[in-house]
Each structure stands twice: as structure tokens, then as C-alpha cells.
């Protein structure tokens, strides 16, 4: 039983590391998009829409919610 538990922990750790890498990669993209929006003075509301899912992603990222 201990071996099964150890294998479970190793598998969970690997899954967490993959998820962390995915979050980190998305964070880089979001930061670039956000910096671009801040420099341009436009946002995701009003006539300058079309910034993809930046608002949704920032909400998910900020609250840790899943899709």
C-alpha cells in the first residue's frame, strides 16, 4: 500500500509541475498583452475590443478559477 501511495504522490507532483508550467507560460503571454494595452491606452471595452480572451484570462488567473 505504501508503494501505491508513493506512486500516487509522484504522479500528483508531476501533474502539478505540468500545470504550473502551463500557468507560467500563459502568465508571460498575459503580461505582454496587458503591458501592450497599458502602453496603447486602450482596453477591452468600448470601440477597441478584440483583445482576445484577456479579460477572462485575467479573471481566471487572478482568482485561480478553472474554466
N, C-alpha and C. Protein backbone atom coordinates (compact mmCIF):
# COMPACT_ATOMS: atom_id res chain seq x y z
N UNK A 1 0.82 -1.21 0.00
CA UNK A 1 0.00 0.00 0.00
C UNK A 1 0.86 1.27 0.00
N UNK A 2 1.94 1.25 0.72
CA UNK A 2 2.83 2.41 0.77
C UNK A 2 3.37 2.73 -0.62
N UNK A 3 3.69 1.70 -1.38
CA UNK A 3 4.19 1.93 -2.74
C UNK A 3 3.12 2.61 -3.59
N UNK A 4 1.88 2.17 -3.47
CA UNK A 4 0.78 2.79 -4.21
C UNK A 4 0.65 4.26 -3.84
N UNK A 5 0.75 4.55 -2.55
CA UNK A 5 0.66 5.94 -2.09
C UNK A 5 1.82 6.76 -2.63
N UNK A 6 3.01 6.18 -2.60
CA UNK A 6 4.19 6.87 -3.13
C UNK A 6 4.05 7.15 -4.61
N UNK A 7 3.53 6.19 -5.35
CA UNK A 7 3.33 6.38 -6.79
C UNK A 7 2.28 7.46 -7.04
N UNK A 8 1.24 7.47 -6.21
CA UNK A 8 0.21 8.49 -6.34
C UNK A 8 0.80 9.87 -6.12
N UNK A 9 1.60 10.01 -5.07
CA UNK A 9 2.21 11.30 -4.76
C UNK A 9 3.12 11.76 -5.89
N UNK A 10 3.91 10.84 -6.44
CA UNK A 10 4.80 11.18 -7.54
C UNK A 10 3.99 11.62 -8.76
N UNK A 11 2.91 10.90 -9.05
CA UNK A 11 2.06 11.26 -10.20
C UNK A 11 1.40 12.62 -9.99
N UNK A 12 0.92 12.89 -8.78
CA UNK A 12 0.30 14.18 -8.48
C UNK A 12 1.31 15.31 -8.59
N UNK A 13 2.51 15.08 -8.10
CA UNK A 13 3.56 16.10 -8.19
C UNK A 13 3.89 16.41 -9.65
N UNK A 14 3.98 15.37 -10.47
CA UNK A 14 4.25 15.58 -11.89
C UNK A 14 3.12 16.37 -12.55
N UNK A 15 1.88 16.05 -12.18
CA UNK A 15 0.73 16.78 -12.74
C UNK A 15 0.76 18.25 -12.30
N UNK A 16 1.10 18.49 -11.04
CA UNK A 16 1.19 19.87 -10.56
C UNK A 16 2.30 20.64 -11.27
N UNK A 17 3.41 19.99 -11.52
CA UNK A 17 4.50 20.65 -12.22
C UNK A 17 4.11 21.00 -13.66
N UNK A 18 3.37 20.11 -14.31
CA UNK A 18 2.89 20.40 -15.68
C UNK A 18 1.91 21.57 -15.66
N UNK A 19 1.01 21.57 -14.70
CA UNK A 19 0.03 22.66 -14.60
C UNK A 19 0.73 23.98 -14.29
N UNK A 20 1.73 23.95 -13.42
CA UNK A 20 2.47 25.17 -13.09
C UNK A 20 3.18 25.71 -14.33
N UNK A 21 3.76 24.82 -15.13
CA UNK A 21 4.43 25.25 -16.36
C UNK A 21 3.43 25.89 -17.32
N UNK A 22 2.23 25.31 -17.40
CA UNK A 22 1.18 25.86 -18.28
C UNK A 22 0.76 27.25 -17.79
N UNK A 23 0.56 27.39 -16.50
CA UNK A 23 0.16 28.68 -15.92
C UNK A 23 1.26 29.71 -16.13
N UNK A 24 2.51 29.32 -15.90
CA UNK A 24 3.63 30.25 -16.08
C UNK A 24 3.73 30.72 -17.53
N UNK A 25 3.54 29.80 -18.47
CA UNK A 25 3.61 30.17 -19.88
C UNK A 25 2.48 31.14 -20.24
N UNK A 26 1.29 30.89 -19.74
CA UNK A 26 0.15 31.77 -20.03
C UNK A 26 0.36 33.13 -19.37
N UNK A 27 0.97 33.14 -18.19
CA UNK A 27 1.22 34.40 -17.49
C UNK A 27 2.14 35.31 -18.31
N UNK A 28 3.12 34.73 -18.97
CA UNK A 28 4.02 35.53 -19.81
C UNK A 28 3.23 36.21 -20.93
N UNK A 29 2.35 35.44 -21.57
CA UNK A 29 1.53 35.99 -22.65
C UNK A 29 0.60 37.08 -22.12
N UNK A 30 -0.05 36.81 -21.00
CA UNK A 30 -0.96 37.80 -20.42
C UNK A 30 -0.23 39.08 -20.04
N UNK A 31 0.96 38.93 -19.49
CA UNK A 31 1.72 40.13 -19.11
C UNK A 31 2.06 40.97 -20.33
N UNK A 32 2.47 40.32 -21.41
CA UNK A 32 2.78 41.06 -22.65
C UNK A 32 1.55 41.78 -23.17
N UNK A 33 0.41 41.07 -23.20
CA UNK A 33 -0.83 41.68 -23.69
C UNK A 33 -1.23 42.86 -22.80
N UNK A 34 -1.15 42.67 -21.51
CA UNK A 34 -1.53 43.73 -20.58
C UNK A 34 -0.62 44.94 -20.71
N UNK A 35 0.68 44.71 -20.82
CA UNK A 35 1.61 45.83 -20.99
C UNK A 35 1.33 46.58 -22.30
N UNK A 36 1.01 45.84 -23.35
CA UNK A 36 0.67 46.47 -24.62
C UNK A 36 -0.57 47.33 -24.51
N UNK A 37 -1.58 46.81 -23.80
CA UNK A 37 -2.80 47.59 -23.61
C UNK A 37 -2.54 48.83 -22.77
N UNK A 38 -1.73 48.69 -21.75
CA UNK A 38 -1.44 49.84 -20.89
C UNK A 38 -0.67 50.91 -21.66
N UNK A 39 0.25 50.50 -22.51
CA UNK A 39 1.03 51.47 -23.29
C UNK A 39 0.20 52.14 -24.36
N UNK A 40 -0.75 51.39 -24.93
CA UNK A 40 -1.56 51.96 -26.01
C UNK A 40 -2.72 52.81 -25.47
N UNK A 41 -3.05 52.63 -24.21
CA UNK A 41 -4.15 53.39 -23.62
C UNK A 41 -5.51 52.85 -24.00
N UNK A 42 -5.57 51.68 -24.61
CA UNK A 42 -6.85 51.07 -24.95
C UNK A 42 -7.12 49.93 -23.99
N UNK A 43 -8.36 49.50 -24.00
CA UNK A 43 -8.75 48.40 -23.13
C UNK A 43 -9.60 47.41 -23.87
N UNK A 44 -10.24 46.54 -23.13
CA UNK A 44 -11.09 45.53 -23.76
C UNK A 44 -12.53 45.98 -23.86
N UNK A 45 -12.82 47.21 -23.43
CA UNK A 45 -14.18 47.75 -23.52
C UNK A 45 -14.21 48.87 -24.54
N UNK A 46 -15.38 49.13 -25.05
CA UNK A 46 -15.52 50.24 -25.98
C UNK A 46 -15.14 49.85 -27.40
N UNK A 47 -14.79 50.85 -28.22
CA UNK A 47 -14.57 50.60 -29.64
C UNK A 47 -13.31 49.79 -29.94
N UNK A 48 -12.43 49.64 -28.99
CA UNK A 48 -11.17 48.94 -29.25
C UNK A 48 -11.19 47.51 -28.75
N UNK A 49 -12.31 46.86 -28.90
CA UNK A 49 -12.40 45.46 -28.47
C UNK A 49 -11.54 44.61 -29.40
N UNK A 50 -11.46 43.34 -29.09
CA UNK A 50 -10.72 42.45 -29.97
C UNK A 50 -9.39 42.03 -29.38
N UNK A 51 -9.28 42.08 -28.08
CA UNK A 51 -8.04 41.67 -27.43
C UNK A 51 -8.13 40.23 -26.96
N UNK A 52 -8.89 39.42 -27.68
CA UNK A 52 -8.99 38.01 -27.33
C UNK A 52 -9.67 37.80 -26.00
N UNK A 53 -9.16 36.87 -25.28
CA UNK A 53 -9.76 36.50 -24.00
C UNK A 53 -8.99 37.08 -22.83
N UNK A 54 -8.36 38.22 -23.03
CA UNK A 54 -7.51 38.80 -21.99
C UNK A 54 -8.29 39.03 -20.69
N UNK A 55 -9.46 39.64 -20.78
CA UNK A 55 -10.23 39.93 -19.57
C UNK A 55 -10.59 38.64 -18.85
N UNK A 56 -11.10 37.68 -19.60
CA UNK A 56 -11.49 36.40 -18.99
C UNK A 56 -10.28 35.72 -18.37
N UNK A 57 -9.17 35.69 -19.10
CA UNK A 57 -7.97 35.04 -18.59
C UNK A 57 -7.44 35.72 -17.35
N UNK A 58 -7.49 37.04 -17.33
CA UNK A 58 -7.02 37.76 -16.15
C UNK A 58 -7.90 37.44 -14.94
N UNK A 59 -9.21 37.31 -15.17
CA UNK A 59 -10.11 36.96 -14.08
C UNK A 59 -9.81 35.56 -13.56
N UNK A 60 -9.62 34.62 -14.47
CA UNK A 60 -9.30 33.25 -14.08
C UNK A 60 -7.97 33.22 -13.34
N UNK A 61 -6.98 33.91 -13.90
CA UNK A 61 -5.65 33.92 -13.31
C UNK A 61 -5.68 34.56 -11.93
N UNK A 62 -6.42 35.65 -11.81
CA UNK A 62 -6.47 36.37 -10.55
C UNK A 62 -7.21 35.63 -9.44
N UNK A 63 -8.18 34.82 -9.83
CA UNK A 63 -8.99 34.13 -8.83
C UNK A 63 -8.65 32.66 -8.72
N UNK A 64 -7.82 32.16 -9.62
CA UNK A 64 -7.46 30.75 -9.58
C UNK A 64 -8.58 29.83 -10.00
N UNK A 65 -9.61 30.37 -10.64
CA UNK A 65 -10.74 29.56 -11.08
C UNK A 65 -10.36 28.77 -12.30
N UNK A 66 -11.07 27.72 -12.49
CA UNK A 66 -10.86 26.90 -13.68
C UNK A 66 -11.97 27.16 -14.67
N UNK A 67 -11.69 26.84 -15.92
CA UNK A 67 -12.69 27.02 -16.97
C UNK A 67 -13.75 25.96 -16.84
